[in-house]
Amino acid sequence: MKAKSKAQQKAAGAALSAKRGDMDPGDLQGASREMYDTMSESELDDMASTSRDDLPEHADD
């Protein structure tokens, strides 16, 4: 699944970093914490690797 906004892409990157052990999962907040708890490393990698060039800052739900 690709990220729908720059904010979502950044949150996925933070969650992926924690999932890989590069940062403390306790430091995560909000969306990144939820992503860490519910998504696999592969899913996070796919979302975090989305190009940010054409993404809006925040997605319109």
Protein backbone atom coordinates (compact mmCIF):
# COMPACT_ATOMS: atom_id res chain seq x y z
CA MET A 1 0.00 0.00 0.00
CA LYS A 2 1.38 3.41 -0.92
CA ALA A 3 1.17 6.45 1.34
CA LYS A 4 -1.58 8.96 0.56
CA SER A 5 0.14 11.98 2.14
CA LYS A 6 3.54 13.23 3.25
CA ALA A 7 2.44 12.94 6.88
CA GLN A 8 1.47 9.28 6.39
CA GLN A 9 4.78 8.55 4.64
CA LYS A 10 6.74 10.13 7.52
CA ALA A 11 4.75 8.23 10.16
CA ALA A 12 5.41 4.97 8.30
CA GLY A 13 9.12 5.80 8.20
CA ALA A 14 9.22 6.36 11.96
CA ALA A 15 7.30 3.13 12.63
CA LEU A 16 9.61 1.22 10.29
CA SER A 17 12.67 2.60 12.08
CA ALA A 18 11.30 1.36 15.39
CA LYS A 19 10.30 -2.00 13.91
CA ARG A 20 13.89 -2.48 12.69
CA GLY A 21 15.29 -1.57 16.12
CA ASP A 22 16.84 1.74 15.07
CA MET A 23 14.75 3.71 17.58
CA ASP A 24 12.80 3.02 20.76
CA PRO A 25 9.15 2.10 20.04
CA GLY A 26 8.23 3.96 23.23
CA ASP A 27 9.14 7.22 21.48
CA LEU A 28 6.40 6.73 18.87
CA GLN A 29 3.16 8.69 19.13
CA GLY A 30 -0.14 8.83 17.29
CA ALA A 31 -0.30 7.34 13.80
CA SER A 32 3.27 6.03 13.86
CA ARG A 33 2.55 4.12 17.09
CA GLU A 34 -0.60 2.61 15.61
CA MET A 35 1.26 1.64 12.42
CA TYR A 36 4.02 0.02 14.49
CA ASP A 37 1.46 -2.07 16.37
CA THR A 38 -0.68 -3.14 13.40
CA MET A 39 1.52 -3.33 10.29
CA SER A 40 4.29 -5.71 9.23
CA GLU A 41 7.79 -4.52 8.41
CA SER A 42 7.11 -5.24 4.74
CA GLU A 43 3.94 -3.13 4.74
CA LEU A 44 5.72 -0.28 6.50
CA ASP A 45 8.63 -0.47 4.05
CA ASP A 46 6.24 -0.23 1.11
CA MET A 47 4.45 2.79 2.59
CA ALA A 48 7.63 4.56 3.73
CA SER A 49 9.25 4.14 0.32
CA THR A 50 6.48 6.09 -1.44
CA SER A 51 7.85 9.09 -3.34
CA ARG A 52 6.78 12.31 -1.62
CA ASP A 53 7.04 14.49 -4.73
CA ASP A 54 3.35 14.54 -5.66
CA LEU A 55 1.79 13.89 -2.25
CA PRO A 56 -0.26 16.45 -0.33
CA GLU A 57 0.88 17.37 3.20
CA HIS A 58 -2.21 15.69 4.66
CA ALA A 59 -4.74 13.38 3.05
CA ASP A 60 -8.35 14.42 2.68
CA ASP A 61 -10.48 11.68 4.24
